[in-house]
Amino acid sequence: MSKIKVLIVDNNSATRRLIRRSLRQSGFSNIEVQDAVDGQDALDKFKTFLPHLVLSDWHLTGMNGIEVLQSLNTQYNDVNLAFITSEITTEMRIQAEEDRALFFLDKPFTVDQFKSVLEPYLEE
């Protein structure tokens, strides 16, 4: 069975580690994870890694998460990107919905919250 590839995009290394740990603690198996430190890094890594799911902060260096999503949507079909972020406005939610983001998860989150929103996308 092939691995489910997840790309974690966040400027903060502690947050990237937290998301990795949450993936392990949630019991998801058969997952391969790569990190990206900003929007451009995410675009570059997407090309070679071709993840099934991208978990991105909205606030990134260089370009924000919605710009990453829009760029990926112009280059690829069926991009699965979800936002894990601490600041969410109504306008952000509307824009993300228009650009086909999967969901928002508020920081901080519990492992149970993390598992419940990711389960439909990471089931084998």
C-alpha atoms as a PDB file:
ATOM      1  CA  MET A   1       0.000   0.000   0.000  1.00  0.00           C
ATOM      2  CA  SER A   2       1.398   3.412  -0.917  1.00  0.00           C
ATOM      3  CA  LYS A   3       2.033   6.059   1.679  1.00  0.00           C
ATOM      4  CA  ILE A   4      -0.229   9.061   2.143  1.00  0.00           C
ATOM      5  CA  LYS A   5       1.950  12.128   1.629  1.00  0.00           C
ATOM      6  CA  VAL A   6       1.409  15.198   3.826  1.00  0.00           C
ATOM      7  CA  LEU A   7       3.157  18.551   3.367  1.00  0.00           C
ATOM      8  CA  ILE A   8       3.249  20.781   6.459  1.00  0.00           C
ATOM      9  CA  VAL A   9       3.722  24.492   5.684  1.00  0.00           C
ATOM     10  CA  ASP A  10       4.482  26.840   8.562  1.00  0.00           C
ATOM     11  CA  ASN A  11       7.165  29.448   9.298  1.00  0.00           C
ATOM     12  CA  ASN A  12       7.436  28.223  12.880  1.00  0.00           C
ATOM     13  CA  SER A  13       9.495  25.059  13.398  1.00  0.00           C
ATOM     14  CA  ALA A  14       7.786  24.360  16.743  1.00  0.00           C
ATOM     15  CA  THR A  15       4.393  24.356  15.008  1.00  0.00           C
ATOM     16  CA  ARG A  16       5.668  22.007  12.309  1.00  0.00           C
ATOM     17  CA  ARG A  17       6.921  19.651  15.032  1.00  0.00           C
ATOM     18  CA  LEU A  18       3.560  19.899  16.855  1.00  0.00           C
ATOM     19  CA  ILE A  19       1.673  18.951  13.698  1.00  0.00           C
ATOM     20  CA  ARG A  20       4.021  16.012  13.081  1.00  0.00           C
ATOM     21  CA  ARG A  21       3.560  14.850  16.676  1.00  0.00           C
ATOM     22  CA  SER A  22      -0.215  15.248  16.387  1.00  0.00           C
ATOM     23  CA  LEU A  23      -0.202  13.068  13.265  1.00  0.00           C
ATOM     24  CA  ARG A  24       1.634  10.333  15.208  1.00  0.00           C
ATOM     25  CA  GLN A  25      -0.530  10.672  18.312  1.00  0.00           C
ATOM     26  CA  SER A  26      -3.705  10.548  16.237  1.00  0.00           C
ATOM     27  CA  GLY A  27      -2.779   7.044  15.152  1.00  0.00           C
ATOM     28  CA  PHE A  28      -2.544   7.739  11.435  1.00  0.00           C
ATOM     29  CA  SER A  29      -0.280   5.142   9.905  1.00  0.00           C
ATOM     30  CA  ASN A  30       1.252   4.875   6.496  1.00  0.00           C
ATOM     31  CA  ILE A  31       2.006   8.612   6.289  1.00  0.00           C
ATOM     32  CA  GLU A  32       5.063  10.286   4.803  1.00  0.00           C
ATOM     33  CA  VAL A  33       5.605  13.889   5.878  1.00  0.00           C
ATOM     34  CA  GLN A  34       7.686  16.756   4.515  1.00  0.00           C
ATOM     35  CA  ASP A  35       7.967  20.308   5.830  1.00  0.00           C
ATOM     36  CA  ALA A  36       8.028  23.650   4.045  1.00  0.00           C
ATOM     37  CA  VAL A  37       9.142  26.824   5.822  1.00  0.00           C
ATOM     38  CA  ASP A  38       7.322  29.384   3.668  1.00  0.00           C
ATOM     39  CA  GLY A  39       5.084  29.761   0.637  1.00  0.00           C
ATOM     40  CA  GLN A  40       7.775  29.458  -2.026  1.00  0.00           C
ATOM     41  CA  ASP A  41       9.267  26.437  -0.282  1.00  0.00           C
ATOM     42  CA  ALA A  42       5.779  24.882  -0.295  1.00  0.00           C
ATOM     43  CA  LEU A  43       5.406  25.436  -4.050  1.00  0.00           C
ATOM     44  CA  ASP A  44       8.869  23.970  -4.692  1.00  0.00           C
ATOM     45  CA  LYS A  45       8.302  20.925  -2.472  1.00  0.00           C
ATOM     46  CA  PHE A  46       4.842  20.302  -3.914  1.00  0.00           C
ATOM     47  CA  LYS A  47       6.362  19.809  -7.386  1.00  0.00           C
ATOM     48  CA  THR A  48       8.639  16.980  -6.297  1.00  0.00           C
ATOM     49  CA  PHE A  49       6.766  15.494  -3.320  1.00  0.00           C
ATOM     50  CA  LEU A  50       3.232  15.644  -4.824  1.00  0.00           C
ATOM     51  CA  PRO A  51       1.425  15.403  -1.478  1.00  0.00           C
ATOM     52  CA  HIS A  52      -2.106  14.096  -1.036  1.00  0.00           C
ATOM     53  CA  LEU A  53      -2.729  16.735   1.642  1.00  0.00           C
ATOM     54  CA  VAL A  54      -1.179  20.124   2.449  1.00  0.00           C
ATOM     55  CA  LEU A  55      -1.574  21.531   5.977  1.00  0.00           C
ATOM     56  CA  SER A  56      -0.694  25.220   5.852  1.00  0.00           C
ATOM     57  CA  ASP A  57      -0.665  28.234   8.093  1.00  0.00           C
ATOM     58  CA  TRP A  58      -2.336  31.282   6.551  1.00  0.00           C
ATOM     59  CA  HIS A  59       0.407  33.687   7.623  1.00  0.00           C
ATOM     60  CA  LEU A  60       3.602  32.757   5.798  1.00  0.00           C
ATOM     61  CA  THR A  61       6.738  34.623   4.829  1.00  0.00           C
ATOM     62  CA  GLY A  62       6.748  35.939   1.254  1.00  0.00           C
ATOM     63  CA  MET A  63       3.237  34.890   0.324  1.00  0.00           C
ATOM     64  CA  ASN A  64       0.281  33.932   2.448  1.00  0.00           C
ATOM     65  CA  GLY A  65      -1.441  30.572   2.519  1.00  0.00           C
ATOM     66  CA  ILE A  66      -4.241  31.597   0.183  1.00  0.00           C
ATOM     67  CA  GLU A  67      -1.675  32.711  -2.410  1.00  0.00           C
ATOM     68  CA  VAL A  68      -0.047  29.285  -2.102  1.00  0.00           C
ATOM     69  CA  LEU A  69      -3.428  27.604  -2.595  1.00  0.00           C
ATOM     70  CA  GLN A  70      -4.270  29.800  -5.592  1.00  0.00           C
ATOM     71  CA  SER A  71      -0.904  29.102  -7.200  1.00  0.00           C
ATOM     72  CA  LEU A  72      -1.266  25.355  -6.684  1.00  0.00           C
ATOM     73  CA  ASN A  73      -4.823  25.421  -8.042  1.00  0.00           C
ATOM     74  CA  THR A  74      -3.593  27.001 -11.292  1.00  0.00           C
ATOM     75  CA  GLN A  75      -0.925  24.312 -11.754  1.00  0.00           C
ATOM     76  CA  TYR A  76      -2.544  21.121 -10.439  1.00  0.00           C
ATOM     77  CA  ASN A  77      -5.928  19.407 -10.322  1.00  0.00           C
ATOM     78  CA  ASP A  78      -7.480  18.399  -7.023  1.00  0.00           C
ATOM     79  CA  VAL A  79      -5.183  20.196  -4.580  1.00  0.00           C
ATOM     80  CA  ASN A  80      -6.144  19.234  -1.031  1.00  0.00           C
ATOM     81  CA  LEU A  81      -5.066  22.096   1.204  1.00  0.00           C
ATOM     82  CA  ALA A  82      -6.322  22.829   4.710  1.00  0.00           C
ATOM     83  CA  PHE A  83      -5.456  25.752   6.924  1.00  0.00           C
ATOM     84  CA  ILE A  84      -4.181  25.385  10.470  1.00  0.00           C
ATOM     85  CA  THR A  85      -3.965  28.939  11.730  1.00  0.00           C
ATOM     86  CA  SER A  86      -4.544  31.104  14.788  1.00  0.00           C
ATOM     87  CA  GLU A  87      -6.191  34.095  13.131  1.00  0.00           C
ATOM     88  CA  ILE A  88      -9.272  33.448  11.034  1.00  0.00           C
ATOM     89  CA  THR A  89     -11.601  36.177   9.815  1.00  0.00           C
ATOM     90  CA  THR A  90     -14.867  35.817   7.958  1.00  0.00           C
ATOM     91  CA  GLU A  91     -13.172  37.238   4.858  1.00  0.00           C
ATOM     92  CA  MET A  92     -10.415  34.611   5.102  1.00  0.00           C
ATOM     93  CA  ARG A  93     -12.993  31.827   5.368  1.00  0.00           C
ATOM     94  CA  ILE A  94     -14.892  33.147   2.344  1.00  0.00           C
ATOM     95  CA  GLN A  95     -11.728  33.455   0.258  1.00  0.00           C
ATOM     96  CA  ALA A  96     -10.572  29.973   1.276  1.00  0.00           C
ATOM     97  CA  GLU A  97     -13.943  28.475   0.394  1.00  0.00           C
ATOM     98  CA  GLU A  98     -13.873  30.175  -3.021  1.00  0.00           C
ATOM     99  CA  ASP A  99     -10.412  28.724  -3.626  1.00  0.00           C
ATOM    100  CA  ARG A 100     -11.507  25.241  -2.494  1.00  0.00           C
ATOM    101  CA  ALA A 101      -9.657  24.894   0.806  1.00  0.00           C
ATOM    102  CA  LEU A 102     -10.734  21.761   2.651  1.00  0.00           C
ATOM    103  CA  PHE A 103     -11.175  23.215   6.143  1.00  0.00           C
ATOM    104  CA  PHE A 104      -9.774  25.466   8.863  1.00  0.00           C
ATOM    105  CA  LEU A 105      -8.404  24.187  12.160  1.00  0.00           C
ATOM    106  CA  ASP A 106      -7.853  26.799  14.837  1.00  0.00           C
ATOM    107  CA  LYS A 107      -4.560  26.948  16.731  1.00  0.00           C
ATOM    108  CA  PRO A 108      -4.208  25.825  19.408  1.00  0.00           C
ATOM    109  CA  PHE A 109      -5.930  22.502  18.820  1.00  0.00           C
ATOM    110  CA  THR A 110      -6.214  19.248  20.712  1.00  0.00           C
ATOM    111  CA  VAL A 111      -5.119  15.911  19.291  1.00  0.00           C
ATOM    112  CA  ASP A 112      -8.785  14.840  19.250  1.00  0.00           C
ATOM    113  CA  GLN A 113      -9.779  17.921  17.225  1.00  0.00           C
ATOM    114  CA  PHE A 114      -6.856  17.341  14.884  1.00  0.00           C
ATOM    115  CA  LYS A 115      -7.770  13.687  14.376  1.00  0.00           C
ATOM    116  CA  SER A 116     -11.459  14.362  13.796  1.00  0.00           C
ATOM    117  CA  VAL A 117     -10.913  16.930  11.027  1.00  0.00           C
ATOM    118  CA  LEU A 118      -8.122  14.965   9.321  1.00  0.00           C
ATOM    119  CA  GLU A 119      -9.629  11.505   9.498  1.00  0.00           C
ATOM    120  CA  PRO A 120     -11.670  11.752   6.269  1.00  0.00           C
ATOM    121  CA  TYR A 121      -8.566  12.814   4.338  1.00  0.00           C
ATOM    122  CA  LEU A 122      -6.055  10.386   5.833  1.00  0.00           C
ATOM    123  CA  GLU A 123      -7.994   7.142   5.958  1.00  0.00           C
ATOM    124  CA  GLU A 124      -6.269   4.339   4.121  1.00  0.00           C
END
